[in-house]
Protein backbone atom coordinates (compact mmCIF):
# COMPACT_ATOMS: atom_id res chain seq x y z
CA MET A 1 -42.71 43.88 25.50
CA PHE A 2 -45.84 45.94 26.04
CA CYS A 3 -47.15 46.87 29.48
CA PRO A 4 -50.43 45.01 30.07
CA ASN A 5 -51.73 47.91 32.17
CA CYS A 6 -51.00 51.05 30.12
CA GLY A 7 -49.75 49.63 26.81
CA LYS A 8 -46.35 51.37 26.80
CA ALA A 9 -44.01 49.65 24.34
CA ASP A 10 -40.36 48.55 24.54
CA GLN A 11 -40.41 47.41 28.16
CA GLN A 12 -38.02 44.90 29.72
CA PRO A 13 -39.50 41.81 31.42
CA GLU A 14 -39.06 41.39 35.19
CA THR A 15 -38.89 45.16 35.70
CA TYR A 16 -41.43 47.88 36.37
CA CYS A 17 -43.25 49.80 33.66
CA ARG A 18 -41.62 53.17 33.05
CA GLN A 19 -45.01 54.83 32.69
CA CYS A 20 -47.42 53.29 35.22
CA GLY A 21 -45.13 51.32 37.58
CA VAL A 22 -46.76 47.88 37.23
CA TYR A 23 -44.44 44.87 37.60
CA LEU A 24 -43.89 43.18 34.23
CA PHE A 25 -43.59 39.41 34.35
CA ASP A 26 -41.43 37.47 31.93
CA PHE A 27 -43.94 35.27 30.14
CA ASP A 28 -41.19 33.07 28.70
CA LYS A 29 -40.39 31.70 32.18
CA PRO A 30 -42.60 29.23 34.00
CA VAL A 31 -45.07 30.90 36.37
CA LYS A 32 -43.85 28.94 39.42
CA ARG A 33 -40.36 30.47 39.19
CA GLN A 34 -41.58 34.06 39.06
CA THR A 35 -42.14 36.01 42.24
CA LYS A 36 -42.97 39.64 42.68
CA PRO A 37 -40.41 41.71 44.57
CA GLU A 38 -43.01 42.75 47.14
CA GLU A 39 -43.26 39.12 48.24
CA HIS A 40 -39.72 39.40 49.62
CA ILE A 41 -40.34 42.53 51.70
CA LYS A 42 -41.20 40.73 54.92
CA ALA A 43 -38.17 38.43 54.73
CA ASN A 44 -35.86 41.37 53.99
CA ALA A 45 -37.27 43.34 56.92
CA VAL A 46 -36.82 40.43 59.33
CA LEU A 47 -33.26 39.73 58.16
CA SER A 48 -32.29 43.40 58.39
CA PHE A 49 -33.71 43.67 61.89
CA LEU A 50 -31.98 40.49 63.08
CA THR A 51 -28.66 41.53 61.56
CA ALA A 52 -28.87 44.95 63.23
CA LEU A 53 -29.73 43.37 66.56
CA ALA A 54 -26.96 40.76 66.36
CA SER A 55 -24.27 43.27 65.39
CA LEU A 56 -25.36 45.65 68.14
CA ILE A 57 -25.26 42.90 70.76
CA LEU A 58 -21.86 41.69 69.54
CA SER A 59 -20.40 45.19 69.63
CA ILE A 60 -21.67 45.77 73.18
CA LEU A 61 -20.37 42.41 74.37
CA LEU A 62 -16.99 42.97 72.74
CA PHE A 63 -16.65 46.42 74.23
CA LEU A 64 -17.72 45.29 77.72
CA THR A 65 -15.39 42.29 77.59
CA PHE A 66 -12.28 44.30 76.77
CA LYS A 67 -13.24 47.54 78.55
CA ASN A 68 -11.42 46.71 81.81
CA TYR A 69 -8.26 45.33 80.22
CA PRO A 70 -5.24 47.53 80.92
CA ASP A 71 -4.06 47.85 77.32
CA PRO A 72 -6.54 46.38 74.76
CA HIS A 73 -5.38 46.05 71.19
CA PRO A 74 -6.69 48.82 68.86
CA ILE A 75 -8.28 46.19 66.61
CA ILE A 76 -10.90 45.68 69.34
CA TYR A 77 -12.08 49.28 68.98
CA VAL A 78 -11.98 49.05 65.19
CA THR A 79 -14.12 45.91 65.36
CA VAL A 80 -16.60 47.57 67.73
CA GLY A 81 -16.81 50.55 65.38
CA PHE A 82 -17.31 48.27 62.40
CA LEU A 83 -20.10 46.37 64.17
CA LEU A 84 -21.80 49.66 65.10
CA THR A 85 -21.55 50.76 61.47
CA ILE A 86 -23.21 47.51 60.39
CA THR A 87 -25.92 48.15 62.98
CA ALA A 88 -26.58 51.66 61.61
CA TRP A 89 -26.63 50.38 58.02
CA GLN A 90 -29.08 47.58 58.84
CA ILE A 91 -31.35 49.96 60.75
CA GLN A 92 -31.64 52.25 57.74
CA THR A 93 -32.16 49.21 55.48
CA PHE A 94 -34.93 48.00 57.79
CA TRP A 95 -36.55 51.45 57.71
CA ARG A 96 -36.37 51.68 53.91
CA THR A 97 -37.81 48.17 53.62
CA LEU A 98 -40.78 49.20 55.75
CA LEU A 99 -41.32 52.29 53.58
CA LEU A 100 -41.10 50.16 50.44
CA GLY A 101 -43.66 47.75 51.90
CA LYS A 102 -46.03 50.67 52.51
CA HIS A 103 -45.47 51.85 48.94
CA PHE A 104 -46.32 48.41 47.51
CA LYS A 105 -49.39 48.16 49.75
CA LYS A 106 -50.61 51.61 48.65
CA HIS A 107 -49.97 50.79 44.98
CA ARG A 108 -51.86 47.48 45.31
CA GLN A 109 -54.84 49.24 46.92
CA GLU A 110 -54.90 51.83 44.12
CA ASN A 111 -54.84 49.07 41.49
CA ASP A 112 -57.61 47.16 43.27
CA SER A 113 -59.81 50.27 43.44
CA THR A 114 -59.14 51.04 39.76
CA THR A 115 -60.01 47.45 38.79
CA ASP A 116 -63.17 47.58 40.88
CA SER A 117 -64.29 50.86 39.30
CA ILE A 118 -63.66 49.50 35.78
CA GLU A 119 -65.63 46.34 36.58
CA MET A 120 -68.48 48.42 38.00
CA ASN A 121 -68.51 50.62 34.88
CA GLN A 122 -68.54 47.59 32.61
CA SER A 123 -71.35 45.95 34.52
CA ASN A 124 -73.49 49.11 34.47
CA GLU A 125 -73.05 49.91 30.81
CA ALA A 126 -71.15 48.41 27.94
CA LYS A 127 -68.32 50.69 26.83
CA SER A 128 -66.68 50.63 23.46
CA THR A 129 -62.98 49.90 23.10
CA ASN A 130 -62.27 53.54 22.23
CA ASP A 131 -63.68 54.64 25.60
CA LEU A 132 -61.40 52.23 27.53
CA LEU A 133 -58.13 52.83 25.65
CA PRO A 134 -56.07 56.02 25.94
CA GLU A 135 -55.91 58.37 22.99
CA ALA A 136 -53.16 57.56 20.47
CA ASP A 137 -49.96 59.57 20.94
CA PHE A 138 -48.34 60.00 17.54
CA GLU A 139 -45.76 62.53 18.73
CA ASN A 140 -43.97 59.88 20.85
CA TYR A 141 -44.36 57.08 18.32
CA VAL A 142 -41.91 54.20 18.74
CA PRO A 143 -41.58 51.95 15.70
CA SER A 144 -42.24 48.32 16.34
CA SER A 145 -39.25 46.03 16.63
CA VAL A 146 -38.57 42.34 16.34
CA VAL A 147 -38.65 40.78 19.78
CA GLU A 148 -36.79 37.70 21.02
CA ARG A 149 -39.82 35.44 20.81
CA THR A 150 -40.23 36.34 17.12
CA THR A 151 -36.59 35.69 16.33
CA LYS A 152 -36.72 32.35 18.17
CA LYS A 153 -39.67 31.34 16.01
CA LEU A 154 -37.86 32.47 12.85
CA ARG A 155 -34.74 30.50 13.77
CA SER A 156 -36.72 27.34 14.50
CA LYS A 157 -38.43 27.41 11.07
CA ARG A 158 -35.13 27.17 9.20
């Protein structure tokens, strides 16, 4: 698969381009089933926050409940420690999710500004295809290969 943004060859669908970082959709799947990963950022952040909050509250309640017992079982302290570990893990997951959301937002703004500048250039003056495409790189040439869609077509003709 080729990247629709930069044209880099031999890309895998439903991943990011190795050269420019644009998300590559799988065009063999129906459009309704495909979602970009950045659409899940808000849900992941909310779930991480709620999980951290719930595990913190449970650990505090468990500790306070068994704090005054004369001889609590050691499993109580292990469970409190485990819940605090879950809290710490979910806090860092929440933080990384927020940073990832900022990254996607910044990347989207850069793409929008690039698209706007290209549209403005095209409206002001007509550019030839050679002006819009990057220069050919023959040192890193990758020979073309047969892709799955081609082989599916070849198999169906038999």
